[in-house]
Amino acid sequence: MRKIKFLLSIILLSISLGFLSCTDDTDIDTNYQEGNLPKGLFILCEGLYGNNNSSLDFYNSDSNSVVLDLFNKVNNQGLGDTGNDMIEFNDYIFIAIKESATVQVINKNNGKLVKRIPILNNNGINRKPSRFAANTSMLYLCTVDGYVLEINPFTLSIGRIVKVGRNPEDICLSNNKLYITNSGGLDFNSPIGYDNTVSVVDPITMTEIMKIDVGDNPAFIKELRDGLIGLIVKGDYSNIKFKTINTLTDELVDSFEIPMLNFDVLDKNNIVYTNVDYFESMESKIKIFNFSSNTTNSVDFVSTPGIINQITAPYGINISISNNEVYITDARDFITSGKVFVFDLQGNYKYNINVGYLPSKVIIRN
């Protein structure tokens, strides 16, 4: 979740950077005809906060073109305000829209809305849906008001809920347990300050087993390999760390002081992470880090000369091993439309896609 402190970074970025030249490798499809979708990419664009302009865009790999705001074109309505996350389950894609207090469920074959699930508490107040995790039978959604909800992907209904920590940021599944990062981000400027815990939840009983103290302001979390998860702990943004937790013992394993904004898993020993030095050089970085090593040394991921300089503000990262592709979303100046840069797993540049505002998540449609 975006902190007030981060607004300074956006202002600095807008003032310091003009638009960098970058060849547009895809066309805009202005003649989209409703029907079954071809192979391609679903791209969730968060949208500008308060502007109700989140979008679900679609890249057609057959025609090398992009349909902007596919959801609107198919359903004759907007996606909502602040598209926070999406996840695929069978023939459905579930999209968490934080400020609009909904999960939009669409048919992944044609983009049609199947159901809109309200994410409200008993008083009708927005819980602010954040991010998803899933096992073979259930979806789990953490909400900013401090809960994890079950969503039955077969009946498209909300089931049990469990209280966790303050302002959950992200959620993942490992060793048949849920791990939720409690950022406390809404309290950062109050006497209580950030939360510093990861909640461990048993999805069978939907109870919180314990909390693990990981340091202030934990954020993105993912399973690295069986029995091991990794997470970014942002602190006050001047002392960001990447930490690992053994999910067999639920104990911290390693802590590495590496500035990073986001990451995804490349293989059982390596992650690819992104960062931008907003306060000094304004330099964008996309690096590979071996979390099994005893050093903080990282190597450049992008191997094609000149491309890293065309990525202004790397925002989201998704790795598809099956597609042999890495998707780096570029928020640009945070006030205009973004891009998705596509690489192979070796860091070779393939193409880029023009998309909507603040692209953050990519799902492959094969």
Protein backbone atom coordinates (compact mmCIF):
# COMPACT_ATOMS: atom_id res chain seq x y z
CA MET A 1 0.00 0.00 0.00
CA ARG A 2 1.28 3.41 -0.93
CA LYS A 3 2.56 5.48 1.97
CA ILE A 4 2.36 9.27 2.19
CA LYS A 5 6.13 9.26 2.44
CA PHE A 6 6.28 7.79 -1.06
CA LEU A 7 4.61 10.88 -2.60
CA LEU A 8 7.92 12.72 -2.42
CA SER A 9 9.42 10.05 -4.65
CA ILE A 10 6.67 10.51 -7.23
CA ILE A 11 7.18 14.28 -7.29
CA LEU A 12 10.93 13.91 -7.66
CA LEU A 13 10.48 11.40 -10.44
CA SER A 14 8.05 13.60 -12.39
CA ILE A 15 10.34 16.64 -12.15
CA SER A 16 13.61 14.88 -12.81
CA LEU A 17 12.64 12.59 -15.69
CA GLY A 18 11.16 13.34 -19.05
CA PHE A 19 9.76 10.56 -21.14
CA LEU A 20 12.57 8.33 -22.31
CA SER A 21 12.43 7.28 -25.95
CA CYS A 22 11.45 3.67 -26.41
CA THR A 23 10.32 1.90 -29.52
CA ASP A 24 6.71 0.74 -29.23
CA ASP A 25 6.66 -2.88 -30.28
CA THR A 26 2.88 -3.37 -30.25
CA ASP A 27 -0.14 -1.79 -31.88
CA ILE A 28 -3.31 -0.62 -30.16
CA ASP A 29 -6.29 -2.74 -31.23
CA THR A 30 -9.05 -0.20 -31.90
CA ASN A 31 -11.33 -2.72 -33.65
CA TYR A 32 -11.73 -5.31 -30.91
CA GLN A 33 -14.55 -7.74 -31.61
CA GLU A 34 -16.11 -9.47 -28.62
CA GLY A 35 -15.61 -13.24 -28.48
CA ASN A 36 -13.20 -15.91 -27.33
CA LEU A 37 -9.78 -14.49 -26.57
CA PRO A 38 -6.62 -15.74 -28.32
CA LYS A 39 -3.33 -16.54 -26.62
CA GLY A 40 -1.80 -13.60 -24.83
CA LEU A 41 -1.47 -11.73 -21.56
CA PHE A 42 -3.96 -10.26 -19.10
CA ILE A 43 -2.43 -7.10 -17.64
CA LEU A 44 -3.92 -5.50 -14.53
CA CYS A 45 -3.36 -1.76 -14.32
CA GLU A 46 -3.89 -0.36 -10.85
CA GLY A 47 -5.06 3.04 -12.07
CA LEU A 48 -4.62 6.41 -10.42
CA TYR A 49 -5.91 6.44 -6.86
CA GLY A 50 -9.32 8.10 -6.59
CA ASN A 51 -9.79 8.34 -10.37
CA ASN A 52 -11.75 5.10 -10.78
CA ASN A 53 -9.64 4.16 -13.82
CA SER A 54 -8.22 0.72 -13.09
CA SER A 55 -8.13 -1.41 -16.23
CA LEU A 56 -7.69 -4.96 -17.38
CA ASP A 57 -5.76 -4.81 -20.66
CA PHE A 58 -5.10 -7.75 -22.98
CA TYR A 59 -2.08 -8.38 -25.19
CA ASN A 60 -2.87 -10.53 -28.25
CA SER A 61 0.28 -12.52 -29.00
CA ASP A 62 -1.10 -13.65 -32.37
CA SER A 63 -1.58 -10.14 -33.76
CA ASN A 64 1.05 -8.44 -31.58
CA SER A 65 -1.54 -5.90 -30.48
CA VAL A 66 -3.08 -4.77 -27.21
CA VAL A 67 -6.72 -4.23 -26.29
CA LEU A 68 -6.81 -1.39 -23.77
CA ASP A 69 -9.45 -1.66 -21.02
CA LEU A 70 -10.74 -5.04 -22.16
CA PHE A 71 -13.03 -5.31 -19.13
CA ASN A 72 -14.85 -2.11 -20.08
CA LYS A 73 -15.17 -3.09 -23.74
CA VAL A 74 -16.64 -6.51 -22.90
CA ASN A 75 -18.84 -5.54 -19.93
CA ASN A 76 -19.74 -1.91 -20.67
CA GLN A 77 -18.56 -0.81 -17.25
CA GLY A 78 -15.34 0.21 -15.56
CA LEU A 79 -13.24 -2.17 -13.52
CA GLY A 80 -13.19 0.13 -10.48
CA ASP A 81 -10.81 2.14 -8.31
CA THR A 82 -7.35 0.69 -7.53
CA GLY A 83 -6.89 -2.78 -9.00
CA ASN A 84 -4.64 -4.34 -6.39
CA ASP A 85 -4.15 -7.97 -7.45
CA MET A 86 -5.47 -10.78 -9.63
CA ILE A 87 -5.23 -14.55 -9.58
CA GLU A 88 -6.30 -17.34 -11.94
CA PHE A 89 -8.36 -20.33 -10.80
CA ASN A 90 -9.72 -22.80 -13.36
CA ASP A 91 -11.65 -20.77 -15.96
CA TYR A 92 -11.92 -17.67 -13.78
CA ILE A 93 -9.74 -14.69 -13.02
CA PHE A 94 -10.37 -12.99 -9.68
CA ILE A 95 -9.45 -9.29 -9.46
CA ALA A 96 -9.21 -7.43 -6.13
CA ILE A 97 -10.34 -3.79 -6.47
CA LYS A 98 -9.29 -2.16 -3.23
CA GLU A 99 -11.05 1.20 -3.14
CA SER A 100 -14.19 -0.12 -4.85
CA ALA A 101 -14.50 -2.87 -2.22
CA THR A 102 -15.04 -5.69 -4.69
CA VAL A 103 -13.57 -8.81 -6.19
CA GLN A 104 -14.47 -8.93 -9.88
CA VAL A 105 -14.71 -12.48 -11.22
CA ILE A 106 -14.33 -12.80 -14.99
CA ASN A 107 -14.33 -15.67 -17.45
CA LYS A 108 -10.75 -15.93 -18.69
CA ASN A 109 -11.90 -17.20 -22.09
CA ASN A 110 -13.85 -14.09 -23.07
CA GLY A 111 -13.36 -11.47 -20.34
CA LYS A 112 -17.03 -11.42 -19.37
CA LEU A 113 -17.98 -10.54 -15.80
CA VAL A 114 -19.30 -13.60 -13.97
CA LYS A 115 -19.86 -12.11 -10.53
CA ARG A 116 -18.98 -9.07 -8.45
CA ILE A 117 -18.24 -10.08 -4.85
CA PRO A 118 -18.58 -7.21 -2.32
CA ILE A 119 -15.75 -7.10 0.23
CA LEU A 120 -17.48 -5.35 3.13
CA ASN A 121 -17.58 -5.83 6.88
CA ASN A 122 -20.79 -6.38 8.86
CA ASN A 123 -21.40 -2.62 8.92
CA GLY A 124 -21.13 -2.31 5.15
CA ILE A 125 -17.71 -0.65 5.31
CA ASN A 126 -15.04 -1.39 2.71
CA ARG A 127 -12.50 -3.93 3.99
CA LYS A 128 -10.09 -2.82 1.21
CA PRO A 129 -9.17 -6.11 -0.50
CA SER A 130 -5.42 -6.40 -0.96
CA ARG A 131 -3.86 -9.63 -2.33
CA PHE A 132 -4.62 -13.28 -3.04
CA ALA A 133 -3.20 -16.72 -2.38
CA ALA A 134 -4.69 -20.08 -3.38
CA ASN A 135 -4.48 -23.81 -2.84
CA THR A 136 -6.24 -26.47 -4.90
CA SER A 137 -9.66 -25.82 -3.38
CA MET A 138 -9.83 -22.30 -1.96
CA LEU A 139 -8.79 -18.71 -2.52
CA TYR A 140 -7.56 -16.52 0.35
CA LEU A 141 -7.73 -12.74 0.34
CA CYS A 142 -6.05 -10.45 2.85
CA THR A 143 -7.79 -7.15 3.53
CA VAL A 144 -6.35 -3.88 4.76
CA ASP A 145 -8.71 -3.78 7.75
CA GLY A 146 -6.77 -6.71 9.26
CA TYR A 147 -8.40 -9.95 8.10
CA VAL A 148 -8.00 -12.93 5.79
CA LEU A 149 -11.12 -14.11 3.98
CA GLU A 150 -11.88 -17.40 2.29
CA ILE A 151 -13.39 -17.15 -1.18
CA ASN A 152 -14.85 -20.38 -2.53
CA PRO A 153 -13.82 -20.42 -6.23
CA PHE A 154 -16.59 -22.88 -7.12
CA THR A 155 -19.56 -21.15 -5.47
CA LEU A 156 -17.99 -17.65 -5.75
CA SER A 157 -18.95 -16.89 -2.17
CA ILE A 158 -17.12 -15.69 0.94
CA GLY A 159 -16.57 -18.27 3.66
CA ARG A 160 -14.76 -18.02 6.98
CA ILE A 161 -12.64 -15.06 8.05
CA VAL A 162 -9.78 -14.73 10.53
CA LYS A 163 -8.30 -11.70 12.26
CA VAL A 164 -4.57 -11.16 11.68
CA GLY A 165 -2.32 -8.09 12.14
CA ARG A 166 -2.60 -4.44 11.17
CA ASN A 167 -3.04 -3.50 7.51
CA PRO A 168 -2.01 -6.74 5.79
CA GLU A 169 0.02 -6.11 2.65
CA ASP A 170 0.50 -9.53 1.05
CA ILE A 171 -0.17 -13.24 1.52
CA CYS A 172 1.36 -16.52 0.37
CA LEU A 173 0.94 -20.25 0.98
CA SER A 174 3.74 -22.61 2.05
CA ASN A 175 3.85 -25.92 3.89
CA ASN A 176 0.02 -25.90 4.04
CA LYS A 177 0.02 -22.63 5.98
CA LEU A 178 -0.82 -19.05 5.09
CA TYR A 179 1.71 -16.28 5.75
CA ILE A 180 0.47 -12.69 5.87
CA THR A 181 2.66 -9.59 6.07
CA ASN A 182 1.19 -7.06 8.50
CA SER A 183 2.59 -3.68 7.49
CA GLY A 184 0.72 -1.32 9.82
CA GLY A 185 1.20 1.16 7.00
CA LEU A 186 -1.83 3.24 7.91
CA ASP A 187 -0.31 3.90 11.36
CA PHE A 188 3.21 4.81 10.24
CA ASN A 189 2.86 8.44 11.26
CA SER A 190 1.15 7.73 14.59
CA PRO A 191 2.65 6.83 18.00
CA ILE A 192 1.86 3.14 17.40
CA GLY A 193 3.93 3.10 14.20
CA TYR A 194 4.38 0.24 11.77
CA ASP A 195 3.43 -3.36 12.46
CA ASN A 196 6.39 -5.76 12.42
CA THR A 197 4.86 -9.20 12.11
CA VAL A 198 3.97 -12.01 9.74
CA SER A 199 0.81 -13.85 10.79
CA VAL A 200 0.77 -17.62 10.35
CA VAL A 201 -2.71 -19.01 9.68
CA ASP A 202 -3.90 -22.61 9.51
CA PRO A 203 -6.25 -22.68 6.49
CA ILE A 204 -7.95 -25.88 7.71
CA THR A 205 -9.21 -24.31 10.94
CA MET A 206 -8.90 -20.68 9.75
CA THR A 207 -7.16 -19.68 12.95
CA GLU A 208 -4.02 -17.66 13.52
CA ILE A 209 -1.33 -19.98 14.89
CA MET A 210 1.31 -17.39 15.72
CA LYS A 211 2.99 -14.18 14.68
CA ILE A 212 6.63 -13.99 13.59
CA ASP A 213 8.53 -10.78 14.37
CA VAL A 214 10.29 -9.81 11.13
CA GLY A 215 10.93 -6.07 11.49
CA ASP A 216 8.94 -2.94 10.70
CA ASN A 217 6.75 -2.65 7.63
CA PRO A 218 6.85 -6.09 5.96
CA ALA A 219 5.52 -6.09 2.41
CA PHE A 220 5.68 -8.53 -0.53
CA ILE A 221 5.99 -12.20 0.38
CA LYS A 222 6.36 -15.33 -1.79
CA GLU A 223 7.30 -18.99 -1.49
CA LEU A 224 10.88 -19.40 -2.71
CA ARG A 225 10.90 -23.21 -2.65
CA ASP A 226 9.37 -25.95 -0.52
CA GLY A 227 9.71 -24.96 3.13
CA LEU A 228 11.13 -21.49 2.53
CA ILE A 229 9.50 -18.12 1.94
CA GLY A 230 11.02 -14.72 1.23
CA LEU A 231 9.73 -11.25 2.03
CA ILE A 232 10.67 -7.61 1.73
CA VAL A 233 10.81 -5.69 5.01
CA LYS A 234 10.76 -1.98 4.15
CA GLY A 235 11.37 -0.39 7.56
CA ASP A 236 11.29 3.38 7.08
CA TYR A 237 12.47 2.89 3.44
CA SER A 238 16.07 3.77 4.30
CA ASN A 239 16.93 0.29 5.60
CA ILE A 240 15.06 -2.19 3.38
CA LYS A 241 15.86 -5.87 3.93
CA PHE A 242 15.08 -9.15 2.21
CA LYS A 243 14.40 -11.91 4.74
CA THR A 244 13.69 -15.63 4.59
CA ILE A 245 11.54 -17.81 6.86
CA ASN A 246 11.71 -21.58 7.30
CA THR A 247 8.07 -22.70 7.11
CA LEU A 248 8.83 -26.01 8.82
CA THR A 249 9.96 -24.24 12.00
CA ASP A 250 8.41 -20.79 11.38
CA GLU A 251 11.69 -19.13 12.25
CA LEU A 252 13.69 -16.46 10.47
CA VAL A 253 16.62 -17.89 8.54
CA ASP A 254 18.48 -15.04 6.85
CA SER A 255 18.35 -11.27 6.54
CA PHE A 256 20.00 -9.35 3.70
CA GLU A 257 20.20 -5.56 3.56
CA ILE A 258 19.27 -5.05 -0.10
CA PRO A 259 17.11 -2.15 -1.30
CA MET A 260 14.28 -3.60 -3.38
CA LEU A 261 10.71 -2.67 -4.23
CA ASN A 262 9.38 -5.97 -5.58
CA PHE A 263 10.56 -9.46 -6.52
CA ASP A 264 9.61 -12.78 -8.05
CA VAL A 265 11.16 -16.23 -7.95
CA LEU A 266 13.46 -17.29 -10.79
CA ASP A 267 14.51 -20.70 -9.46
CA LYS A 268 15.08 -22.51 -6.16
CA ASN A 269 18.08 -20.32 -5.31
CA ASN A 270 17.48 -17.01 -7.09
CA ILE A 271 15.03 -14.13 -7.25
CA VAL A 272 14.78 -11.27 -9.69
CA TYR A 273 14.11 -7.98 -7.92
CA THR A 274 13.46 -4.38 -8.90
CA ASN A 275 14.42 -1.11 -7.30
CA VAL A 276 14.62 2.61 -8.04
CA ASP A 277 16.87 5.03 -6.19
CA TYR A 278 14.24 7.76 -5.95
CA PHE A 279 16.15 10.02 -3.56
CA GLU A 280 19.54 10.24 -5.25
CA SER A 281 20.46 8.82 -8.67
CA MET A 282 16.89 8.01 -9.88
CA GLU A 283 18.45 4.87 -11.37
CA SER A 284 16.27 1.83 -12.07
CA LYS A 285 17.67 -1.58 -11.20
CA ILE A 286 16.60 -5.10 -12.14
CA LYS A 287 18.88 -7.60 -10.46
CA ILE A 288 19.29 -11.31 -9.74
CA PHE A 289 20.01 -12.23 -6.13
CA ASN A 290 21.04 -15.67 -4.85
CA PHE A 291 19.28 -15.93 -1.49
CA SER A 292 21.10 -19.19 -0.69
CA SER A 293 24.44 -17.39 -0.64
CA ASN A 294 26.07 -15.68 2.30
CA THR A 295 26.55 -12.35 0.51
CA THR A 296 24.38 -9.50 -0.69
CA ASN A 297 26.03 -9.49 -4.13
CA SER A 298 23.58 -9.12 -7.02
CA VAL A 299 24.07 -9.26 -10.77
CA ASP A 300 22.23 -7.43 -13.53
CA PHE A 301 19.28 -9.34 -14.97
CA VAL A 302 18.81 -7.35 -18.19
CA SER A 303 21.42 -8.47 -20.70
CA THR A 304 20.32 -6.44 -23.74
CA PRO A 305 22.31 -3.18 -23.95
CA GLY A 306 20.38 0.07 -23.56
CA ILE A 307 17.08 -1.42 -22.39
CA ILE A 308 17.44 -0.85 -18.64
CA ASN A 309 17.74 2.90 -19.33
CA GLN A 310 14.34 2.85 -21.02
CA ILE A 311 12.57 1.49 -17.91
CA THR A 312 11.67 4.53 -15.84
CA ALA A 313 9.95 3.11 -12.76
CA PRO A 314 9.81 -0.70 -12.48
CA TYR A 315 6.64 -1.38 -10.50
CA GLY A 316 5.58 -5.02 -10.78
CA ILE A 317 7.40 -8.20 -11.72
CA ASN A 318 5.97 -11.56 -12.79
CA ILE A 319 8.02 -14.55 -13.92
CA SER A 320 6.57 -17.36 -16.03
CA ILE A 321 8.88 -20.38 -16.15
CA SER A 322 6.51 -22.21 -18.50
CA ASN A 323 6.45 -19.28 -20.94
CA ASN A 324 10.16 -18.57 -20.52
CA GLU A 325 9.30 -14.93 -19.93
CA VAL A 326 9.77 -12.21 -17.31
CA TYR A 327 7.33 -9.29 -17.25
CA ILE A 328 8.53 -5.99 -15.79
CA THR A 329 5.77 -3.39 -15.49
CA ASP A 330 6.83 0.24 -15.76
CA ALA A 331 4.74 2.90 -13.98
CA ARG A 332 6.64 5.61 -15.88
CA ASP A 333 5.91 8.92 -14.09
CA PHE A 334 2.92 7.57 -12.06
CA ILE A 335 0.49 9.96 -13.74
CA THR A 336 0.39 8.74 -17.34
CA SER A 337 -0.01 5.38 -19.05
CA GLY A 338 2.55 2.65 -18.44
CA LYS A 339 4.37 -0.13 -20.23
CA VAL A 340 5.20 -3.80 -19.82
CA PHE A 341 8.71 -4.89 -20.80
CA VAL A 342 9.08 -8.57 -21.67
CA PHE A 343 12.32 -10.56 -21.36
CA ASP A 344 13.27 -14.20 -21.56
CA LEU A 345 14.58 -15.94 -18.44
CA GLN A 346 18.14 -15.08 -19.41
CA GLY A 347 17.38 -11.35 -19.44
CA ASN A 348 17.25 -10.89 -23.21
CA TYR A 349 14.78 -8.19 -24.24
CA LYS A 350 11.86 -9.39 -26.39
CA TYR A 351 9.27 -6.59 -26.73
CA ASN A 352 7.27 -3.97 -24.81
CA ILE A 353 3.54 -3.24 -24.55
CA ASN A 354 1.75 0.09 -24.08
CA VAL A 355 -0.89 -0.29 -21.36
CA GLY A 356 -2.95 1.70 -18.85
CA TYR A 357 -2.07 3.49 -15.63
CA LEU A 358 0.28 1.80 -13.14
CA PRO A 359 0.47 -1.73 -14.57
CA SER A 360 1.27 -4.21 -11.82
CA LYS A 361 0.24 -7.81 -12.54
CA VAL A 362 0.44 -10.12 -15.56
CA ILE A 363 -1.34 -13.46 -16.09
CA ILE A 364 -0.63 -15.62 -19.14
CA ARG A 365 -3.47 -16.95 -21.30
CA ASN A 366 -2.25 -19.99 -23.26
